[in-house]
Amino acid sequence: MLTIDLDEFMIEIQDGTIKHVGSSTTSVDAKLYDVTEAEARQFGDQIKFAFEDGEGNMIEVALNGPEVQSIVGDLNEME
């Protein structure tokens, strides 16, 4: 299940084209539940994490080394 919370988000749909027409200060929160597949792979100088649920929804996040190490540290503390 994918949930998306769009704060002050406005789009325009014209002739099959979607265009963002709102403020540049818009924020978005996305959450993916019931993940069935997860992977990490090299993405230039970053590490990209990809998560997918059974419905085909996917979220990808690219992190720099310090952020990855912070997550690894958090995981190690939980063991």
PDB file of N, CA and C in Angstrom:
ATOM      1  N   MET A   1       0.846  -1.174   0.000  1.00  0.00           N
ATOM      2  CA  MET A   1       0.000   0.000   0.000  1.00  0.00           C
ATOM      3  C   MET A   1       0.891   1.237   0.000  1.00  0.00           C
ATOM      4  N   LEU A   2       0.581   2.160  -0.872  1.00  0.00           N
ATOM      5  CA  LEU A   2       1.322   3.410  -0.997  1.00  0.00           C
ATOM      6  C   LEU A   2       0.421   4.553  -0.582  1.00  0.00           C
ATOM      7  N   THR A   3       0.911   5.391   0.332  1.00  0.00           N
ATOM      8  CA  THR A   3       0.176   6.605   0.687  1.00  0.00           C
ATOM      9  C   THR A   3       1.035   7.810   0.328  1.00  0.00           C
ATOM     10  N   ILE A   4       0.400   8.845  -0.182  1.00  0.00           N
ATOM     11  CA  ILE A   4       1.100  10.077  -0.554  1.00  0.00           C
ATOM     12  C   ILE A   4       0.324  11.244   0.020  1.00  0.00           C
ATOM     13  N   ASP A   5       1.009  12.101   0.758  1.00  0.00           N
ATOM     14  CA  ASP A   5       0.414  13.309   1.325  1.00  0.00           C
ATOM     15  C   ASP A   5       1.054  14.501   0.618  1.00  0.00           C
ATOM     16  N   LEU A   6       0.274  15.189  -0.209  1.00  0.00           N
ATOM     17  CA  LEU A   6       0.770  16.329  -0.971  1.00  0.00           C
ATOM     18  C   LEU A   6       0.309  17.608  -0.291  1.00  0.00           C
ATOM     19  N   ASP A   7       1.249  18.413   0.157  1.00  0.00           N
ATOM     20  CA  ASP A   7       0.937  19.651   0.853  1.00  0.00           C
ATOM     21  C   ASP A   7       0.938  20.805  -0.145  1.00  0.00           C
ATOM     22  N   GLU A   8      -0.208  21.431  -0.317  1.00  0.00           N
ATOM     23  CA  GLU A   8      -0.348  22.576  -1.227  1.00  0.00           C
ATOM     24  C   GLU A   8       0.176  22.253  -2.620  1.00  0.00           C
ATOM     25  N   PHE A   9      -0.281  21.152  -3.165  1.00  0.00           N
ATOM     26  CA  PHE A   9       0.195  20.674  -4.461  1.00  0.00           C
ATOM     27  C   PHE A   9      -0.872  20.952  -5.507  1.00  0.00           C
ATOM     28  N   MET A  10      -0.481  21.545  -6.611  1.00  0.00           N
ATOM     29  CA  MET A  10      -1.437  21.843  -7.662  1.00  0.00           C
ATOM     30  C   MET A  10      -0.847  21.422  -9.005  1.00  0.00           C
ATOM     31  N   ILE A  11      -1.642  20.671  -9.776  1.00  0.00           N
ATOM     32  CA  ILE A  11      -1.192  20.278 -11.107  1.00  0.00           C
ATOM     33  C   ILE A  11      -2.214  20.738 -12.133  1.00  0.00           C
ATOM     34  N   GLU A  12      -1.743  20.826 -13.358  1.00  0.00           N
ATOM     35  CA  GLU A  12      -2.592  21.163 -14.485  1.00  0.00           C
ATOM     36  C   GLU A  12      -2.513  20.005 -15.466  1.00  0.00           C
ATOM     37  N   ILE A  13      -3.641  19.532 -15.931  1.00  0.00           N
ATOM     38  CA  ILE A  13      -3.670  18.469 -16.926  1.00  0.00           C
ATOM     39  C   ILE A  13      -4.290  19.058 -18.184  1.00  0.00           C
ATOM     40  N   GLN A  14      -3.508  19.066 -19.270  1.00  0.00           N
ATOM     41  CA  GLN A  14      -3.979  19.632 -20.519  1.00  0.00           C
ATOM     42  C   GLN A  14      -3.439  18.808 -21.673  1.00  0.00           C
ATOM     43  N   ASP A  15      -4.315  18.320 -22.504  1.00  0.00           N
ATOM     44  CA  ASP A  15      -3.948  17.512 -23.667  1.00  0.00           C
ATOM     45  C   ASP A  15      -3.077  16.317 -23.279  1.00  0.00           C
ATOM     46  N   GLY A  16      -3.400  15.675 -22.152  1.00  0.00           N
ATOM     47  CA  GLY A  16      -2.670  14.490 -21.719  1.00  0.00           C
ATOM     48  C   GLY A  16      -1.354  14.781 -21.037  1.00  0.00           C
ATOM     49  N   THR A  17      -1.004  16.051 -20.843  1.00  0.00           N
ATOM     50  CA  THR A  17       0.244  16.429 -20.194  1.00  0.00           C
ATOM     51  C   THR A  17      -0.037  16.900 -18.774  1.00  0.00           C
ATOM     52  N   ILE A  18       0.767  16.415 -17.826  1.00  0.00           N
ATOM     53  CA  ILE A  18       0.641  16.835 -16.434  1.00  0.00           C
ATOM     54  C   ILE A  18       1.755  17.829 -16.137  1.00  0.00           C
ATOM     55  N   LYS A  19       1.375  18.990 -15.595  1.00  0.00           N
ATOM     56  CA  LYS A  19       2.344  20.042 -15.309  1.00  0.00           C
ATOM     57  C   LYS A  19       2.113  20.563 -13.896  1.00  0.00           C
ATOM     58  N   HIS A  20       3.183  20.691 -13.124  1.00  0.00           N
ATOM     59  CA  HIS A  20       3.089  21.270 -11.786  1.00  0.00           C
ATOM     60  C   HIS A  20       2.952  22.779 -11.934  1.00  0.00           C
ATOM     61  N   VAL A  21       1.902  23.349 -11.346  1.00  0.00           N
ATOM     62  CA  VAL A  21       1.675  24.786 -11.451  1.00  0.00           C
ATOM     63  C   VAL A  21       1.600  25.461 -10.086  1.00  0.00           C
ATOM     64  N   GLY A  22       1.919  24.733  -9.043  1.00  0.00           N
ATOM     65  CA  GLY A  22       1.841  25.275  -7.692  1.00  0.00           C
ATOM     66  C   GLY A  22       3.137  25.915  -7.252  1.00  0.00           C
ATOM     67  N   SER A  23       3.177  26.224  -5.985  1.00  0.00           N
ATOM     68  CA  SER A  23       4.324  26.859  -5.352  1.00  0.00           C
ATOM     69  C   SER A  23       5.533  25.937  -5.341  1.00  0.00           C
ATOM     70  N   SER A  24       6.716  26.501  -5.381  1.00  0.00           N
ATOM     71  CA  SER A  24       7.937  25.693  -5.323  1.00  0.00           C
ATOM     72  C   SER A  24       8.257  25.248  -3.898  1.00  0.00           C
ATOM     73  N   THR A  25       7.482  25.689  -2.929  1.00  0.00           N
ATOM     74  CA  THR A  25       7.712  25.296  -1.535  1.00  0.00           C
ATOM     75  C   THR A  25       6.856  24.092  -1.142  1.00  0.00           C
ATOM     76  N   THR A  26       6.293  23.412  -2.119  1.00  0.00           N
ATOM     77  CA  THR A  26       5.440  22.252  -1.866  1.00  0.00           C
ATOM     78  C   THR A  26       6.257  21.134  -1.236  1.00  0.00           C
ATOM     79  N   SER A  27       5.646  20.401  -0.305  1.00  0.00           N
ATOM     80  CA  SER A  27       6.315  19.250   0.291  1.00  0.00           C
ATOM     81  C   SER A  27       5.450  18.018   0.102  1.00  0.00           C
ATOM     82  N   VAL A  28       6.103  16.857   0.082  1.00  0.00           N
ATOM     83  CA  VAL A  28       5.402  15.597  -0.131  1.00  0.00           C
ATOM     84  C   VAL A  28       5.949  14.558   0.838  1.00  0.00           C
ATOM     85  N   ASP A  29       5.065  13.779   1.432  1.00  0.00           N
ATOM     86  CA  ASP A  29       5.438  12.616   2.234  1.00  0.00           C
ATOM     87  C   ASP A  29       4.894  11.393   1.526  1.00  0.00           C
ATOM     88  N   ALA A  30       5.745  10.398   1.300  1.00  0.00           N
ATOM     89  CA  ALA A  30       5.301   9.145   0.685  1.00  0.00           C
ATOM     90  C   ALA A  30       5.682   8.004   1.620  1.00  0.00           C
ATOM     91  N   LYS A  31       4.758   7.049   1.778  1.00  0.00           N
ATOM     92  CA  LYS A  31       4.992   5.895   2.641  1.00  0.00           C
ATOM     93  C   LYS A  31       4.582   4.646   1.895  1.00  0.00           C
ATOM     94  N   LEU A  32       5.411   3.625   1.973  1.00  0.00           N
ATOM     95  CA  LEU A  32       5.133   2.352   1.318  1.00  0.00           C
ATOM     96  C   LEU A  32       5.068   1.276   2.386  1.00  0.00           C
ATOM     97  N   TYR A  33       3.956   0.568   2.436  1.00  0.00           N
ATOM     98  CA  TYR A  33       3.740  -0.480   3.426  1.00  0.00           C
ATOM     99  C   TYR A  33       3.734  -1.844   2.739  1.00  0.00           C
ATOM    100  N   ASP A  34       3.889  -2.886   3.525  1.00  0.00           N
ATOM    101  CA  ASP A  34       3.836  -4.268   3.024  1.00  0.00           C
ATOM    102  C   ASP A  34       4.841  -4.491   1.898  1.00  0.00           C
ATOM    103  N   VAL A  35       6.084  -4.073   2.125  1.00  0.00           N
ATOM    104  CA  VAL A  35       7.145  -4.228   1.127  1.00  0.00           C
ATOM    105  C   VAL A  35       7.429  -5.709   0.913  1.00  0.00           C
ATOM    106  N   THR A  36       7.462  -6.113  -0.371  1.00  0.00           N
ATOM    107  CA  THR A  36       7.752  -7.504  -0.717  1.00  0.00           C
ATOM    108  C   THR A  36       9.123  -7.667  -1.355  1.00  0.00           C
ATOM    109  N   GLU A  37       9.679  -6.577  -1.877  1.00  0.00           N
ATOM    110  CA  GLU A  37      11.015  -6.618  -2.477  1.00  0.00           C
ATOM    111  C   GLU A  37      11.798  -5.388  -2.048  1.00  0.00           C
ATOM    112  N   ALA A  38      13.069  -5.580  -1.734  1.00  0.00           N
ATOM    113  CA  ALA A  38      13.945  -4.469  -1.367  1.00  0.00           C
ATOM    114  C   ALA A  38      15.343  -4.763  -1.885  1.00  0.00           C
ATOM    115  N   GLU A  39      16.021  -3.728  -2.386  1.00  0.00           N
ATOM    116  CA  GLU A  39      17.391  -3.903  -2.845  1.00  0.00           C
ATOM    117  C   GLU A  39      18.170  -2.606  -2.676  1.00  0.00           C
ATOM    118  N   ALA A  40      19.481  -2.756  -2.609  1.00  0.00           N
ATOM    119  CA  ALA A  40      20.389  -1.611  -2.565  1.00  0.00           C
ATOM    120  C   ALA A  40      21.385  -1.801  -3.704  1.00  0.00           C
ATOM    121  N   ARG A  41      21.685  -0.709  -4.416  1.00  0.00           N
ATOM    122  CA  ARG A  41      22.637  -0.791  -5.520  1.00  0.00           C
ATOM    123  C   ARG A  41      23.388   0.532  -5.669  1.00  0.00           C
ATOM    124  N   GLN A  42      24.530   0.451  -6.309  1.00  0.00           N
ATOM    125  CA  GLN A  42      25.351   1.641  -6.548  1.00  0.00           C
ATOM    126  C   GLN A  42      24.623   2.577  -7.503  1.00  0.00           C
ATOM    127  N   PHE A  43      24.678   3.875  -7.220  1.00  0.00           N
ATOM    128  CA  PHE A  43      24.042   4.898  -8.048  1.00  0.00           C
ATOM    129  C   PHE A  43      24.996   6.083  -8.097  1.00  0.00           C
ATOM    130  N   GLY A  44      25.981   5.995  -8.972  1.00  0.00           N
ATOM    131  CA  GLY A  44      27.028   7.016  -9.009  1.00  0.00           C
ATOM    132  C   GLY A  44      27.812   6.974  -7.713  1.00  0.00           C
ATOM    133  N   ASP A  45      27.924   8.102  -7.020  1.00  0.00           N
ATOM    134  CA  ASP A  45      28.603   8.177  -5.724  1.00  0.00           C
ATOM    135  C   ASP A  45      27.671   7.836  -4.568  1.00  0.00           C
ATOM    136  N   GLN A  46      26.440   7.501  -4.863  1.00  0.00           N
ATOM    137  CA  GLN A  46      25.446   7.227  -3.833  1.00  0.00           C
ATOM    138  C   GLN A  46      25.040   5.758  -3.844  1.00  0.00           C
ATOM    139  N   ILE A  47      24.247   5.391  -2.863  1.00  0.00           N
ATOM    140  CA  ILE A  47      23.623   4.071  -2.806  1.00  0.00           C
ATOM    141  C   ILE A  47      22.128   4.302  -2.974  1.00  0.00           C
ATOM    142  N   LYS A  48      21.532   3.584  -3.925  1.00  0.00           N
ATOM    143  CA  LYS A  48      20.085   3.702  -4.143  1.00  0.00           C
ATOM    144  C   LYS A  48      19.395   2.507  -3.507  1.00  0.00           C
ATOM    145  N   PHE A  49      18.409   2.791  -2.674  1.00  0.00           N
ATOM    146  CA  PHE A  49      17.562   1.771  -2.067  1.00  0.00           C
ATOM    147  C   PHE A  49      16.238   1.774  -2.829  1.00  0.00           C
ATOM    148  N   ALA A  50      15.767   0.600  -3.234  1.00  0.00           N
ATOM    149  CA  ALA A  50      14.493   0.480  -3.939  1.00  0.00           C
ATOM    150  C   ALA A  50      13.607  -0.481  -3.167  1.00  0.00           C
ATOM    151  N   PHE A  51      12.362  -0.059  -2.944  1.00  0.00           N
ATOM    152  CA  PHE A  51      11.389  -0.853  -2.205  1.00  0.00           C
ATOM    153  C   PHE A  51      10.127  -0.972  -3.042  1.00  0.00           C
ATOM    154  N   GLU A  52       9.566  -2.195  -3.118  1.00  0.00           N
ATOM    155  CA  GLU A  52       8.358  -2.414  -3.904  1.00  0.00           C
ATOM    156  C   GLU A  52       7.379  -3.272  -3.112  1.00  0.00           C
ATOM    157  N   ASP A  53       6.091  -2.957  -3.255  1.00  0.00           N
ATOM    158  CA  ASP A  53       5.074  -3.780  -2.597  1.00  0.00           C
ATOM    159  C   ASP A  53       4.469  -4.753  -3.608  1.00  0.00           C
ATOM    160  N   GLY A  54       3.574  -5.589  -3.156  1.00  0.00           N
ATOM    161  CA  GLY A  54       2.970  -6.599  -4.013  1.00  0.00           C
ATOM    162  C   GLY A  54       2.050  -6.037  -5.075  1.00  0.00           C
ATOM    163  N   GLU A  55       1.708  -4.757  -4.981  1.00  0.00           N
ATOM    164  CA  GLU A  55       0.821  -4.124  -5.953  1.00  0.00           C
ATOM    165  C   GLU A  55       1.591  -3.398  -7.054  1.00  0.00           C
ATOM    166  N   GLY A  56       2.930  -3.462  -7.024  1.00  0.00           N
ATOM    167  CA  GLY A  56       3.740  -2.801  -8.040  1.00  0.00           C
ATOM    168  C   GLY A  56       4.114  -1.368  -7.720  1.00  0.00           C
ATOM    169  N   ASN A  57       3.738  -0.873  -6.538  1.00  0.00           N
ATOM    170  CA  ASN A  57       4.153   0.471  -6.125  1.00  0.00           C
ATOM    171  C   ASN A  57       5.614   0.419  -5.715  1.00  0.00           C
ATOM    172  N   MET A  58       6.377   1.455  -6.081  1.00  0.00           N
ATOM    173  CA  MET A  58       7.810   1.460  -5.785  1.00  0.00           C
ATOM    174  C   MET A  58       8.245   2.826  -5.279  1.00  0.00           C
ATOM    175  N   ILE A  59       9.170   2.797  -4.332  1.00  0.00           N
ATOM    176  CA  ILE A  59       9.828   4.016  -3.861  1.00  0.00           C
ATOM    177  C   ILE A  59      11.330   3.772  -3.954  1.00  0.00           C
ATOM    178  N   GLU A  60      12.054   4.747  -4.511  1.00  0.00           N
ATOM    179  CA  GLU A  60      13.510   4.685  -4.571  1.00  0.00           C
ATOM    180  C   GLU A  60      14.084   5.878  -3.818  1.00  0.00           C
ATOM    181  N   VAL A  61      15.165   5.629  -3.070  1.00  0.00           N
ATOM    182  CA  VAL A  61      15.825   6.675  -2.290  1.00  0.00           C
ATOM    183  C   VAL A  61      17.322   6.549  -2.512  1.00  0.00           C
ATOM    184  N   ALA A  62      17.971   7.628  -2.916  1.00  0.00           N
ATOM    185  CA  ALA A  62      19.418   7.642  -3.108  1.00  0.00           C
ATOM    186  C   ALA A  62      20.057   8.395  -1.943  1.00  0.00           C
ATOM    187  N   LEU A  63      21.015   7.742  -1.272  1.00  0.00           N
ATOM    188  CA  LEU A  63      21.661   8.318  -0.097  1.00  0.00           C
ATOM    189  C   LEU A  63      23.164   8.421  -0.300  1.00  0.00           C
ATOM    190  N   ASN A  64      23.772   9.395   0.363  1.00  0.00           N
ATOM    191  CA  ASN A  64      25.222   9.524   0.386  1.00  0.00           C
ATOM    192  C   ASN A  64      25.795   8.626   1.472  1.00  0.00           C
ATOM    193  N   GLY A  65      27.087   8.419   1.454  1.00  0.00           N
ATOM    194  CA  GLY A  65      27.771   7.532   2.391  1.00  0.00           C
ATOM    195  C   GLY A  65      27.449   7.761   3.856  1.00  0.00           C
ATOM    196  N   PRO A  66      27.506   8.992   4.359  1.00  0.00           N
ATOM    197  CA  PRO A  66      27.223   9.214   5.784  1.00  0.00           C
ATOM    198  C   PRO A  66      25.803   8.798   6.190  1.00  0.00           C
ATOM    199  N   GLU A  67      24.833   9.047   5.320  1.00  0.00           N
ATOM    200  CA  GLU A  67      23.457   8.657   5.630  1.00  0.00           C
ATOM    201  C   GLU A  67      23.318   7.140   5.649  1.00  0.00           C
ATOM    202  N   VAL A  68      23.995   6.465   4.717  1.00  0.00           N
ATOM    203  CA  VAL A  68      23.963   5.000   4.674  1.00  0.00           C
ATOM    204  C   VAL A  68      24.598   4.433   5.941  1.00  0.00           C
ATOM    205  N   GLN A  69      25.735   4.980   6.350  1.00  0.00           N
ATOM    206  CA  GLN A  69      26.420   4.508   7.547  1.00  0.00           C
ATOM    207  C   GLN A  69      25.565   4.733   8.794  1.00  0.00           C
ATOM    208  N   SER A  70      24.828   5.835   8.820  1.00  0.00           N
ATOM    209  CA  SER A  70      23.939   6.100   9.942  1.00  0.00           C
ATOM    210  C   SER A  70      22.844   5.037  10.033  1.00  0.00           C
ATOM    211  N   ILE A  71      22.276   4.658   8.890  1.00  0.00           N
ATOM    212  CA  ILE A  71      21.240   3.619   8.870  1.00  0.00           C
ATOM    213  C   ILE A  71      21.823   2.270   9.273  1.00  0.00           C
ATOM    214  N   VAL A  72      23.006   1.942   8.769  1.00  0.00           N
ATOM    215  CA  VAL A  72      23.665   0.691   9.145  1.00  0.00           C
ATOM    216  C   VAL A  72      23.895   0.652  10.645  1.00  0.00           C
ATOM    217  N   GLY A  73      24.331   1.775  11.216  1.00  0.00           N
ATOM    218  CA  GLY A  73      24.535   1.854  12.660  1.00  0.00           C
ATOM    219  C   GLY A  73      23.233   1.623  13.431  1.00  0.00           C
ATOM    220  N   ASP A  74      22.153   2.240  12.935  1.00  0.00           N
ATOM    221  CA  ASP A  74      20.840   2.047  13.573  1.00  0.00           C
ATOM    222  C   ASP A  74      20.429   0.580  13.535  1.00  0.00           C
ATOM    223  N   LEU A  75      20.651  -0.078  12.397  1.00  0.00           N
ATOM    224  CA  LEU A  75      20.294  -1.491  12.253  1.00  0.00           C
ATOM    225  C   LEU A  75      21.115  -2.366  13.192  1.00  0.00           C
ATOM    226  N   ASN A  76      22.403  -2.069  13.292  1.00  0.00           N
ATOM    227  CA  ASN A  76      23.265  -2.845  14.174  1.00  0.00           C
ATOM    228  C   ASN A  76      22.842  -2.717  15.636  1.00  0.00           C
ATOM    229  N   GLU A  77      22.376  -1.540  16.025  1.00  0.00           N
ATOM    230  CA  GLU A  77      21.915  -1.337  17.406  1.00  0.00           C
ATOM    231  C   GLU A  77      20.642  -2.120  17.697  1.00  0.00           C
ATOM    232  N   MET A  78      19.835  -2.388  16.672  1.00  0.00           N
ATOM    233  CA  MET A  78      18.575  -3.121  16.873  1.00  0.00           C
ATOM    234  C   MET A  78      18.759  -4.626  17.000  1.00  0.00           C
ATOM    235  N   GLU A  79      19.913  -5.138  16.604  1.00  0.00           N
ATOM    236  CA  GLU A  79      20.135  -6.587  16.646  1.00  0.00           C
ATOM    237  C   GLU A  79      20.294  -7.109  18.038  1.00  0.00           C
TER     238      GLU A  79
END
